[in-house]
PDB file of N, CA and C in Angstrom:
ATOM      1  N   MET A   1      69.759-126.728 -39.247  1.00  0.00           N
ATOM      2  CA  MET A   1      70.278-125.379 -39.308  1.00  0.00           C
ATOM      3  C   MET A   1      69.210-124.423 -39.815  1.00  0.00           C
ATOM      4  N   GLY A   2      68.451-124.822 -40.840  1.00  0.00           N
ATOM      5  CA  GLY A   2      67.407-123.972 -41.382  1.00  0.00           C
ATOM      6  C   GLY A   2      66.312-123.684 -40.379  1.00  0.00           C
ATOM      7  N   THR A   3      65.973-124.684 -39.551  1.00  0.00           N
ATOM      8  CA  THR A   3      64.946-124.490 -38.528  1.00  0.00           C
ATOM      9  C   THR A   3      65.417-123.481 -37.491  1.00  0.00           C
ATOM     10  N   LYS A   4      66.686-123.560 -37.092  1.00  0.00           N
ATOM     11  CA  LYS A   4      67.227-122.605 -36.119  1.00  0.00           C
ATOM     12  C   LYS A   4      67.189-121.187 -36.681  1.00  0.00           C
ATOM     13  N   LEU A   5      67.596-121.032 -37.930  1.00  0.00           N
ATOM     14  CA  LEU A   5      67.581-119.711 -38.540  1.00  0.00           C
ATOM     15  C   LEU A   5      66.159-119.175 -38.649  1.00  0.00           C
ATOM     16  N   ALA A   6      65.230-120.043 -39.010  1.00  0.00           N
ATOM     17  CA  ALA A   6      63.831-119.613 -39.104  1.00  0.00           C
ATOM     18  C   ALA A   6      63.311-119.202 -37.740  1.00  0.00           C
ATOM     19  N   SER A   7      63.657-119.957 -36.695  1.00  0.00           N
ATOM     20  CA  SER A   7      63.219-119.620 -35.337  1.00  0.00           C
ATOM     21  C   SER A   7      63.791-118.280 -34.903  1.00  0.00           C
ATOM     22  N   LEU A   8      65.092-118.082 -35.161  1.00  0.00           N
ATOM     23  CA  LEU A   8      65.718-116.811 -34.809  1.00  0.00           C
ATOM     24  C   LEU A   8      65.098-115.657 -35.586  1.00  0.00           C
ATOM     25  N   PHE A   9      64.799-115.887 -36.856  1.00  0.00           N
ATOM     26  CA  PHE A   9      64.179-114.856 -37.682  1.00  0.00           C
ATOM     27  C   PHE A   9      62.799-114.494 -37.152  1.00  0.00           C
ATOM     28  N   LEU A  10      61.988-115.516 -36.845  1.00  0.00           N
ATOM     29  CA  LEU A  10      60.645-115.258 -36.329  1.00  0.00           C
ATOM     30  C   LEU A  10      60.693-114.561 -34.980  1.00  0.00           C
ATOM     31  N   LEU A  11      61.606-115.001 -34.105  1.00  0.00           N
ATOM     32  CA  LEU A  11      61.729-114.338 -32.809  1.00  0.00           C
ATOM     33  C   LEU A  11      62.171-112.896 -33.001  1.00  0.00           C
ATOM     34  N   GLY A  12      63.083-112.673 -33.941  1.00  0.00           N
ATOM     35  CA  GLY A  12      63.515-111.311 -34.229  1.00  0.00           C
ATOM     36  C   GLY A  12      62.369-110.433 -34.710  1.00  0.00           C
ATOM     37  N   LEU A  13      61.525-110.986 -35.574  1.00  0.00           N
ATOM     38  CA  LEU A  13      60.355-110.230 -36.037  1.00  0.00           C
ATOM     39  C   LEU A  13      59.411-109.908 -34.876  1.00  0.00           C
ATOM     40  N   MET A  14      59.199-110.906 -34.014  1.00  0.00           N
ATOM     41  CA  MET A  14      58.297-110.677 -32.882  1.00  0.00           C
ATOM     42  C   MET A  14      58.884-109.639 -31.927  1.00  0.00           C
ATOM     43  N   LEU A  15      60.193-109.713 -31.660  1.00  0.00           N
ATOM     44  CA  LEU A  15      60.829-108.751 -30.772  1.00  0.00           C
ATOM     45  C   LEU A  15      60.809-107.350 -31.369  1.00  0.00           C
ATOM     46  N   ALA A  16      60.822-107.275 -32.684  1.00  0.00           N
ATOM     47  CA  ALA A  16      60.761-105.978 -33.347  1.00  0.00           C
ATOM     48  C   ALA A  16      59.334-105.421 -33.377  1.00  0.00           C
ATOM     49  N   GLY A  17      58.385-106.213 -32.912  1.00  0.00           N
ATOM     50  CA  GLY A  17      57.013-105.738 -32.875  1.00  0.00           C
ATOM     51  C   GLY A  17      56.213-106.105 -34.103  1.00  0.00           C
ATOM     52  N   ILE A  18      56.720-107.010 -34.917  1.00  0.00           N
ATOM     53  CA  ILE A  18      56.013-107.416 -36.116  1.00  0.00           C
ATOM     54  C   ILE A  18      55.426-108.794 -35.864  1.00  0.00           C
ATOM     55  N   GLY A  19      54.137-108.899 -35.822  1.00  0.00           N
ATOM     56  CA  GLY A  19      53.515-110.192 -35.598  1.00  0.00           C
ATOM     57  C   GLY A  19      52.403-110.114 -34.575  1.00  0.00           C
ATOM     58  N   PRO A  20      51.609-111.176 -34.449  1.00  0.00           N
ATOM     59  CA  PRO A  20      50.421-111.148 -33.611  1.00  0.00           C
ATOM     60  C   PRO A  20      50.703-111.185 -32.117  1.00  0.00           C
ATOM     61  N   ALA A  21      51.853-111.682 -31.701  1.00  0.00           N
ATOM     62  CA  ALA A  21      52.118-111.830 -30.267  1.00  0.00           C
ATOM     63  C   ALA A  21      52.931-110.659 -29.736  1.00  0.00           C
ATOM     64  N   GLN A  22      52.601-109.468 -30.196  1.00  0.00           N
ATOM     65  CA  GLN A  22      53.385-108.288 -29.898  1.00  0.00           C
ATOM     66  C   GLN A  22      53.536-108.032 -28.402  1.00  0.00           C
ATOM     67  N   ALA A  23      52.494-108.176 -27.612  1.00  0.00           N
ATOM     68  CA  ALA A  23      52.564-107.875 -26.190  1.00  0.00           C
ATOM     69  C   ALA A  23      53.426-108.878 -25.437  1.00  0.00           C
ATOM     70  N   SER A  24      53.389-110.147 -25.825  1.00  0.00           N
ATOM     71  CA  SER A  24      54.100-111.164 -25.064  1.00  0.00           C
ATOM     72  C   SER A  24      55.571-111.282 -25.431  1.00  0.00           C
ATOM     73  N   THR A  25      55.980-110.848 -26.622  1.00  0.00           N
ATOM     74  CA  THR A  25      57.372-111.044 -27.024  1.00  0.00           C
ATOM     75  C   THR A  25      58.318-110.175 -26.231  1.00  0.00           C
ATOM     76  N   SER A  26      57.937-108.956 -25.916  1.00  0.00           N
ATOM     77  CA  SER A  26      58.822-108.126 -25.104  1.00  0.00           C
ATOM     78  C   SER A  26      58.963-108.739 -23.721  1.00  0.00           C
ATOM     79  N   GLY A  27      57.907-109.411 -23.250  1.00  0.00           N
ATOM     80  CA  GLY A  27      57.983-110.114 -21.973  1.00  0.00           C
ATOM     81  C   GLY A  27      58.941-111.277 -22.028  1.00  0.00           C
ATOM     82  N   VAL A  28      59.017-111.955 -23.168  1.00  0.00           N
ATOM     83  CA  VAL A  28      59.940-113.074 -23.340  1.00  0.00           C
ATOM     84  C   VAL A  28      61.378-112.567 -23.269  1.00  0.00           C
ATOM     85  N   ALA A  29      61.689-111.522 -24.013  1.00  0.00           N
ATOM     86  CA  ALA A  29      63.039-110.966 -23.996  1.00  0.00           C
ATOM     87  C   ALA A  29      63.406-110.471 -22.598  1.00  0.00           C
ATOM     88  N   THR A  30      62.479-109.827 -21.929  1.00  0.00           N
ATOM     89  CA  THR A  30      62.726-109.338 -20.572  1.00  0.00           C
ATOM     90  C   THR A  30      62.953-110.490 -19.609  1.00  0.00           C
ATOM     91  N   ALA A  31      62.174-111.558 -19.743  1.00  0.00           N
ATOM     92  CA  ALA A  31      62.327-112.722 -18.865  1.00  0.00           C
ATOM     93  C   ALA A  31      63.687-113.384 -19.071  1.00  0.00           C
ATOM     94  N   ILE A  32      64.115-113.543 -20.325  1.00  0.00           N
ATOM     95  CA  ILE A  32      65.421-114.141 -20.606  1.00  0.00           C
ATOM     96  C   ILE A  32      66.532-113.244 -20.060  1.00  0.00           C
ATOM     97  N   GLU A  33      66.447-111.971 -20.331  1.00  0.00           N
ATOM     98  CA  GLU A  33      67.459-111.019 -19.862  1.00  0.00           C
ATOM     99  C   GLU A  33      67.566-111.046 -18.339  1.00  0.00           C
ATOM    100  N   SER A  34      66.437-111.064 -17.663  1.00  0.00           N
ATOM    101  CA  SER A  34      66.426-111.118 -16.198  1.00  0.00           C
ATOM    102  C   SER A  34      67.050-112.408 -15.685  1.00  0.00           C
ATOM    103  N   PHE A  35      66.711-113.543 -16.310  1.00  0.00           N
ATOM    104  CA  PHE A  35      67.262-114.837 -15.926  1.00  0.00           C
ATOM    105  C   PHE A  35      68.785-114.835 -16.050  1.00  0.00           C
ATOM    106  N   VAL A  36      69.299-114.384 -17.185  1.00  0.00           N
ATOM    107  CA  VAL A  36      70.736-114.391 -17.421  1.00  0.00           C
ATOM    108  C   VAL A  36      71.441-113.418 -16.470  1.00  0.00           C
ATOM    109  N   ALA A  37      70.873-112.242 -16.266  1.00  0.00           N
ATOM    110  CA  ALA A  37      71.488-111.256 -15.367  1.00  0.00           C
ATOM    111  C   ALA A  37      71.546-111.760 -13.926  1.00  0.00           C
ATOM    112  N   LYS A  38      70.507-112.450 -13.478  1.00  0.00           N
ATOM    113  CA  LYS A  38      70.501-112.988 -12.112  1.00  0.00           C
ATOM    114  C   LYS A  38      71.446-114.177 -11.973  1.00  0.00           C
ATOM    115  N   LEU A  39      71.567-114.971 -13.013  1.00  0.00           N
ATOM    116  CA  LEU A  39      72.426-116.153 -12.973  1.00  0.00           C
ATOM    117  C   LEU A  39      73.910-115.773 -13.000  1.00  0.00           C
ATOM    118  N   PHE A  40      74.234-114.704 -13.686  1.00  0.00           N
ATOM    119  CA  PHE A  40      75.629-114.265 -13.829  1.00  0.00           C
ATOM    120  C   PHE A  40      75.770-112.806 -13.376  1.00  0.00           C
ATOM    121  N   PRO A  41      75.556-112.526 -12.088  1.00  0.00           N
ATOM    122  CA  PRO A  41      75.564-111.124 -11.634  1.00  0.00           C
ATOM    123  C   PRO A  41      76.932-110.445 -11.717  1.00  0.00           C
ATOM    124  N   GLN A  42      78.001-111.220 -11.697  1.00  0.00           N
ATOM    125  CA  GLN A  42      79.352-110.644 -11.731  1.00  0.00           C
ATOM    126  C   GLN A  42      79.928-110.538 -13.136  1.00  0.00           C
ATOM    127  N   ALA A  43      79.149-110.930 -14.134  1.00  0.00           N
ATOM    128  CA  ALA A  43      79.649-110.931 -15.510  1.00  0.00           C
ATOM    129  C   ALA A  43      79.936-109.515 -15.994  1.00  0.00           C
ATOM    130  N   SER A  44      81.062-109.374 -16.693  1.00  0.00           N
ATOM    131  CA  SER A  44      81.367-108.077 -17.288  1.00  0.00           C
ATOM    132  C   SER A  44      80.638-107.900 -18.617  1.00  0.00           C
ATOM    133  N   HIS A  45      80.305-109.035 -19.248  1.00  0.00           N
ATOM    134  CA  HIS A  45      79.614-108.988 -20.542  1.00  0.00           C
ATOM    135  C   HIS A  45      78.929-110.333 -20.775  1.00  0.00           C
ATOM    136  N   TYR A  46      77.759-110.293 -21.371  1.00  0.00           N
ATOM    137  CA  TYR A  46      77.091-111.534 -21.755  1.00  0.00           C
ATOM    138  C   TYR A  46      76.106-111.251 -22.880  1.00  0.00           C
ATOM    139  N   PHE A  47      75.740-112.309 -23.577  1.00  0.00           N
ATOM    140  CA  PHE A  47      74.629-112.252 -24.518  1.00  0.00           C
ATOM    141  C   PHE A  47      73.996-113.622 -24.563  1.00  0.00           C
ATOM    142  N   TRP A  48      72.789-113.681 -25.086  1.00  0.00           N
ATOM    143  CA  TRP A  48      72.053-114.941 -25.156  1.00  0.00           C
ATOM    144  C   TRP A  48      71.466-115.113 -26.545  1.00  0.00           C
ATOM    145  N   ILE A  49      71.266-116.382 -26.894  1.00  0.00           N
ATOM    146  CA  ILE A  49      70.746-116.747 -28.216  1.00  0.00           C
ATOM    147  C   ILE A  49      69.631-117.761 -28.030  1.00  0.00           C
ATOM    148  N   VAL A  50      68.517-117.555 -28.678  1.00  0.00           N
ATOM    149  CA  VAL A  50      67.414-118.513 -28.636  1.00  0.00           C
ATOM    150  C   VAL A  50      67.629-119.529 -29.748  1.00  0.00           C
ATOM    151  N   ASN A  51      67.777-120.807 -29.365  1.00  0.00           N
ATOM    152  CA  ASN A  51      67.971-121.876 -30.345  1.00  0.00           C
ATOM    153  C   ASN A  51      66.641-122.397 -30.882  1.00  0.00           C
ATOM    154  N   ASP A  52      65.652-122.522 -30.003  1.00  0.00           N
ATOM    155  CA  ASP A  52      64.374-123.111 -30.388  1.00  0.00           C
ATOM    156  C   ASP A  52      63.321-122.686 -29.380  1.00  0.00           C
ATOM    157  N   THR A  53      62.075-122.701 -29.803  1.00  0.00           N
ATOM    158  CA  THR A  53      60.962-122.389 -28.900  1.00  0.00           C
ATOM    159  C   THR A  53      59.798-123.315 -29.188  1.00  0.00           C
ATOM    160  N   LYS A  54      58.951-123.463 -28.205  1.00  0.00           N
ATOM    161  CA  LYS A  54      57.706-124.221 -28.353  1.00  0.00           C
ATOM    162  C   LYS A  54      56.668-123.524 -27.500  1.00  0.00           C
ATOM    163  N   SER A  55      55.537-123.243 -28.081  1.00  0.00           N
ATOM    164  CA  SER A  55      54.467-122.588 -27.344  1.00  0.00           C
ATOM    165  C   SER A  55      53.132-123.193 -27.755  1.00  0.00           C
ATOM    166  N   ASP A  56      52.465-123.832 -26.788  1.00  0.00           N
ATOM    167  CA  ASP A  56      51.139-124.386 -27.059  1.00  0.00           C
ATOM    168  C   ASP A  56      50.042-123.373 -26.780  1.00  0.00           C
ATOM    169  N   THR A  57      50.327-122.428 -25.890  1.00  0.00           N
ATOM    170  CA  THR A  57      49.350-121.412 -25.530  1.00  0.00           C
ATOM    171  C   THR A  57      50.034-120.050 -25.487  1.00  0.00           C
ATOM    172  N   GLN A  58      49.271-118.997 -25.373  1.00  0.00           N
ATOM    173  CA  GLN A  58      49.821-117.643 -25.236  1.00  0.00           C
ATOM    174  C   GLN A  58      50.540-117.479 -23.901  1.00  0.00           C
ATOM    175  N   ARG A  59      50.185-118.311 -22.913  1.00  0.00           N
ATOM    176  CA  ARG A  59      50.728-118.170 -21.553  1.00  0.00           C
ATOM    177  C   ARG A  59      52.023-118.939 -21.330  1.00  0.00           C
ATOM    178  N   GLU A  60      52.239-120.045 -22.025  1.00  0.00           N
ATOM    179  CA  GLU A  60      53.371-120.924 -21.751  1.00  0.00           C
ATOM    180  C   GLU A  60      54.299-121.044 -22.960  1.00  0.00           C
ATOM    181  N   MET A  61      55.599-121.070 -22.663  1.00  0.00           N
ATOM    182  CA  MET A  61      56.581-121.217 -23.732  1.00  0.00           C
ATOM    183  C   MET A  61      57.799-121.950 -23.178  1.00  0.00           C
ATOM    184  N   ILE A  62      58.347-122.865 -23.963  1.00  0.00           N
ATOM    185  CA  ILE A  62      59.598-123.539 -23.641  1.00  0.00           C
ATOM    186  C   ILE A  62      60.649-122.969 -24.579  1.00  0.00           C
ATOM    187  N   LEU A  63      61.783-122.574 -24.018  1.00  0.00           N
ATOM    188  CA  LEU A  63      62.863-122.013 -24.817  1.00  0.00           C
ATOM    189  C   LEU A  63      64.142-122.788 -24.588  1.00  0.00           C
ATOM    190  N   ASP A  64      64.882-122.996 -25.648  1.00  0.00           N
ATOM    191  CA  ASP A  64      66.214-123.572 -25.611  1.00  0.00           C
ATOM    192  C   ASP A  64      67.156-122.410 -25.905  1.00  0.00           C
ATOM    193  N   ILE A  65      67.963-122.000 -24.911  1.00  0.00           N
ATOM    194  CA  ILE A  65      68.837-120.842 -25.106  1.00  0.00           C
ATOM    195  C   ILE A  65      70.294-121.187 -24.826  1.00  0.00           C
ATOM    196  N   ASN A  66      71.187-120.470 -25.489  1.00  0.00           N
ATOM    197  CA  ASN A  66      72.610-120.493 -25.186  1.00  0.00           C
ATOM    198  C   ASN A  66      72.970-119.145 -24.573  1.00  0.00           C
ATOM    199  N   THR A  67      73.896-119.160 -23.635  1.00  0.00           N
ATOM    200  CA  THR A  67      74.444-117.921 -23.103  1.00  0.00           C
ATOM    201  C   THR A  67      75.945-117.936 -23.335  1.00  0.00           C
ATOM    202  N   VAL A  68      76.494-116.771 -23.603  1.00  0.00           N
ATOM    203  CA  VAL A  68      77.935-116.598 -23.708  1.00  0.00           C
ATOM    204  C   VAL A  68      78.291-115.506 -22.705  1.00  0.00           C
ATOM    205  N   VAL A  69      79.129-115.878 -21.719  1.00  0.00           N
ATOM    206  CA  VAL A  69      79.389-115.001 -20.584  1.00  0.00           C
ATOM    207  C   VAL A  69      80.889-114.775 -20.422  1.00  0.00           C
ATOM    208  N   THR A  70      81.268-113.522 -20.216  1.00  0.00           N
ATOM    209  CA  THR A  70      82.632-113.165 -19.849  1.00  0.00           C
ATOM    210  C   THR A  70      82.565-112.623 -18.433  1.00  0.00           C
ATOM    211  N   ASN A  71      83.208-113.324 -17.491  1.00  0.00           N
ATOM    212  CA  ASN A  71      83.136-112.911 -16.093  1.00  0.00           C
ATOM    213  C   ASN A  71      83.991-111.690 -15.795  1.00  0.00           C
ATOM    214  N   LYS A  72      85.226-111.686 -16.258  1.00  0.00           N
ATOM    215  CA  LYS A  72      86.125-110.550 -16.046  1.00  0.00           C
ATOM    216  C   LYS A  72      86.704-110.141 -17.387  1.00  0.00           C
ATOM    217  N   VAL A  73      86.966-108.858 -17.540  1.00  0.00           N
ATOM    218  CA  VAL A  73      87.573-108.365 -18.775  1.00  0.00           C
ATOM    219  C   VAL A  73      88.892-109.106 -18.976  1.00  0.00           C
ATOM    220  N   GLY A  74      89.086-109.652 -20.157  1.00  0.00           N
ATOM    221  CA  GLY A  74      90.290-110.398 -20.474  1.00  0.00           C
ATOM    222  C   GLY A  74      90.136-111.901 -20.326  1.00  0.00           C
ATOM    223  N   ASP A  75      89.139-112.356 -19.567  1.00  0.00           N
ATOM    224  CA  ASP A  75      88.882-113.793 -19.433  1.00  0.00           C
ATOM    225  C   ASP A  75      88.216-114.310 -20.704  1.00  0.00           C
ATOM    226  N   PRO A  76      88.463-115.567 -21.049  1.00  0.00           N
ATOM    227  CA  PRO A  76      87.759-116.125 -22.211  1.00  0.00           C
ATOM    228  C   PRO A  76      86.278-116.316 -21.879  1.00  0.00           C
ATOM    229  N   PRO A  77      85.403-116.134 -22.850  1.00  0.00           N
ATOM    230  CA  PRO A  77      83.972-116.330 -22.596  1.00  0.00           C
ATOM    231  C   PRO A  77      83.657-117.807 -22.375  1.00  0.00           C
ATOM    232  N   THR A  78      82.629-118.057 -21.580  1.00  0.00           N
ATOM    233  CA  THR A  78      82.146-119.422 -21.367  1.00  0.00           C
ATOM    234  C   THR A  78      80.732-119.529 -21.921  1.00  0.00           C
ATOM    235  N   GLN A  79      80.439-120.706 -22.450  1.00  0.00           N
ATOM    236  CA  GLN A  79      79.107-120.950 -23.011  1.00  0.00           C
ATOM    237  C   GLN A  79      78.326-121.853 -22.075  1.00  0.00           C
ATOM    238  N   ASN A  80      77.032-121.607 -22.003  1.00  0.00           N
ATOM    239  CA  ASN A  80      76.105-122.436 -21.236  1.00  0.00           C
ATOM    240  C   ASN A  80      74.843-122.597 -22.063  1.00  0.00           C
ATOM    241  N   ARG A  81      74.096-123.620 -21.733  1.00  0.00           N
ATOM    242  CA  ARG A  81      72.832-123.863 -22.447  1.00  0.00           C
ATOM    243  C   ARG A  81      71.760-124.218 -21.431  1.00  0.00           C
ATOM    244  N   PHE A  82      70.549-123.696 -21.660  1.00  0.00           N
ATOM    245  CA  PHE A  82      69.455-123.894 -20.724  1.00  0.00           C
ATOM    246  C   PHE A  82      68.144-124.143 -21.461  1.00  0.00           C
ATOM    247  N   LEU A  83      67.277-124.899 -20.822  1.00  0.00           N
ATOM    248  CA  LEU A  83      65.874-124.968 -21.201  1.00  0.00           C
ATOM    249  C   LEU A  83      65.120-124.132 -20.183  1.00  0.00           C
ATOM    250  N   LEU A  84      64.302-123.224 -20.659  1.00  0.00           N
ATOM    251  CA  LEU A  84      63.508-122.369 -19.775  1.00  0.00           C
ATOM    252  C   LEU A  84      62.034-122.625 -20.007  1.00  0.00           C
ATOM    253  N   LEU A  85      61.267-122.644 -18.934  1.00  0.00           N
ATOM    254  CA  LEU A  85      59.812-122.689 -19.017  1.00  0.00           C
ATOM    255  C   LEU A  85      59.306-121.328 -18.591  1.00  0.00           C
ATOM    256  N   LEU A  86      58.679-120.619 -19.521  1.00  0.00           N
ATOM    257  CA  LEU A  86      58.095-119.323 -19.223  1.00  0.00           C
ATOM    258  C   LEU A  86      56.589-119.476 -19.120  1.00  0.00           C
ATOM    259  N   VAL A  87      56.025-118.932 -18.059  1.00  0.00           N
ATOM    260  CA  VAL A  87      54.579-118.904 -17.867  1.00  0.00           C
ATOM    261  C   VAL A  87      54.207-117.456 -17.568  1.00  0.00           C
ATOM    262  N   ASN A  88      53.319-116.917 -18.363  1.00  0.00           N
ATOM    263  CA  ASN A  88      52.901-115.522 -18.235  1.00  0.00           C
ATOM    264  C   ASN A  88      54.090-114.568 -18.256  1.00  0.00           C
ATOM    265  N   GLY A  89      55.083-114.862 -19.101  1.00  0.00           N
ATOM    266  CA  GLY A  89      56.227-113.977 -19.253  1.00  0.00           C
ATOM    267  C   GLY A  89      57.262-114.057 -18.149  1.00  0.00           C
ATOM    268  N   GLN A  90      57.145-115.019 -17.247  1.00  0.00           N
ATOM    269  CA  GLN A  90      58.099-115.183 -16.152  1.00  0.00           C
ATOM    270  C   GLN A  90      58.756-116.551 -16.240  1.00  0.00           C
ATOM    271  N   VAL A  91      60.043-116.628 -15.896  1.00  0.00           N
ATOM    272  CA  VAL A  91      60.734-117.914 -15.883  1.00  0.00           C
ATOM    273  C   VAL A  91      60.243-118.694 -14.675  1.00  0.00           C
ATOM    274  N   LEU A  92      59.535-119.779 -14.932  1.00  0.00           N
ATOM    275  CA  LEU A  92      59.008-120.625 -13.865  1.00  0.00           C
ATOM    276  C   LEU A  92      59.995-121.733 -13.519  1.00  0.00           C
ATOM    277  N   ALA A  93      60.742-122.231 -14.521  1.00  0.00           N
ATOM    278  CA  ALA A  93      61.708-123.304 -14.288  1.00  0.00           C
ATOM    279  C   ALA A  93      62.833-123.176 -15.310  1.00  0.00           C
ATOM    280  N   ALA A  94      64.022-123.644 -14.907  1.00  0.00           N
ATOM    281  CA  ALA A  94      65.182-123.633 -15.794  1.00  0.00           C
ATOM    282  C   ALA A  94      66.010-124.874 -15.531  1.00  0.00           C
ATOM    283  N   GLN A  95      66.596-125.409 -16.590  1.00  0.00           N
ATOM    284  CA  GLN A  95      67.459-126.575 -16.455  1.00  0.00           C
ATOM    285  C   GLN A  95      68.681-126.374 -17.333  1.00  0.00           C
ATOM    286  N   SER A  96      69.847-126.555 -16.736  1.00  0.00           N
ATOM    287  CA  SER A  96      71.085-126.519 -17.505  1.00  0.00           C
ATOM    288  C   SER A  96      71.201-127.821 -18.286  1.00  0.00           C
ATOM    289  N   ILE A  97      71.573-127.713 -19.553  1.00  0.00           N
ATOM    290  CA  ILE A  97      71.732-128.901 -20.393  1.00  0.00           C
ATOM    291  C   ILE A  97      73.086-128.826 -21.092  1.00  0.00           C
ATOM    292  N   PRO A  98      73.633-129.962 -21.516  1.00  0.00           N
ATOM    293  CA  PRO A  98      74.925-129.949 -22.221  1.00  0.00           C
ATOM    294  C   PRO A  98      74.846-129.144 -23.517  1.00  0.00           C
ATOM    295  N   LEU A  99      75.958-128.498 -23.864  1.00  0.00           N
ATOM    296  CA  LEU A  99      75.998-127.675 -25.073  1.00  0.00           C
ATOM    297  C   LEU A  99      75.654-128.461 -26.327  1.00  0.00           C
ATOM    298  N   GLY A 100      76.111-129.688 -26.429  1.00  0.00           N
ATOM    299  CA  GLY A 100      75.891-130.477 -27.638  1.00  0.00           C
ATOM    300  C   GLY A 100      74.637-131.325 -27.630  1.00  0.00           C
ATOM    301  N   ALA A 101      73.792-131.170 -26.607  1.00  0.00           N
ATOM    302  CA  ALA A 101      72.592-132.005 -26.496  1.00  0.00           C
ATOM    303  C   ALA A 101      71.641-131.747 -27.659  1.00  0.00           C
ATOM    304  N   ILE A 102      70.999-132.807 -28.101  1.00  0.00           N
ATOM    305  CA  ILE A 102      69.966-132.674 -29.127  1.00  0.00           C
ATOM    306  C   ILE A 102      68.640-132.485 -28.388  1.00  0.00           C
ATOM    307  N   VAL A 103      68.058-131.327 -28.575  1.00  0.00           N
ATOM    308  CA  VAL A 103      66.830-130.977 -27.864  1.00  0.00           C
ATOM    309  C   VAL A 103      65.757-130.647 -28.879  1.00  0.00           C
ATOM    310  N   TYR A 104      64.607-131.199 -28.672  1.00  0.00           N
ATOM    311  CA  TYR A 104      63.445-130.923 -29.519  1.00  0.00           C
ATOM    312  C   TYR A 104      62.371-130.339 -28.621  1.00  0.00           C
ATOM    313  N   CYS A 105      61.993-129.114 -28.845  1.00  0.00           N
ATOM    314  CA  CYS A 105      61.006-128.454 -28.002  1.00  0.00           C
ATOM    315  C   CYS A 105      59.573-128.731 -28.444  1.00  0.00           C
ATOM    316  N   GLY A 106      59.391-129.648 -29.374  1.00  0.00           N
ATOM    317  CA  GLY A 106      58.056-129.954 -29.883  1.00  0.00           C
ATOM    318  C   GLY A 106      57.330-130.957 -29.013  1.00  0.00           C
ATOM    319  N   ASP A 107      56.176-131.397 -29.522  1.00  0.00           N
ATOM    320  CA  ASP A 107      55.356-132.370 -28.816  1.00  0.00           C
ATOM    321  C   ASP A 107      56.078-133.702 -28.699  1.00  0.00           C
ATOM    322  N   GLU A 108      55.788-134.415 -27.614  1.00  0.00           N
ATOM    323  CA  GLU A 108      56.361-135.741 -27.440  1.00  0.00           C
ATOM    324  C   GLU A 108      55.758-136.695 -28.458  1.00  0.00           C
ATOM    325  N   GLU A 109      56.594-137.581 -28.962  1.00  0.00           N
ATOM    326  CA  GLU A 109      56.099-138.590 -29.894  1.00  0.00           C
ATOM    327  C   GLU A 109      55.943-139.893 -29.142  1.00  0.00           C
ATOM    328  N   VAL A 110      54.812-140.539 -29.343  1.00  0.00           N
ATOM    329  CA  VAL A 110      54.537-141.795 -28.631  1.00  0.00           C
ATOM    330  C   VAL A 110      54.729-142.954 -29.558  1.00  0.00           C
TER     331      VAL A 110
END
């Protein structure tokens, strides 16, 4: 839980423009927003949450995100979870994963 909060806090700081990766963070938020909007074009309301991130370079980032989507006003929201691969601020690949899956975006352990 503490790691998730720290990740959300750091991402929030970067999105607010505080931190060294100022140019790329707005691209990350834009890429996520674009991905969710294209995936759920008929949604009346949605939001997304970054659970975890991993970035080995300035160009590549893996994100574990949750989405909460309401398709029609009055419908109950549905949750989804995805792993996204961003390269140069664009979503290059996405995979739907179970909501309760244990995902570690860090280096593989051998």
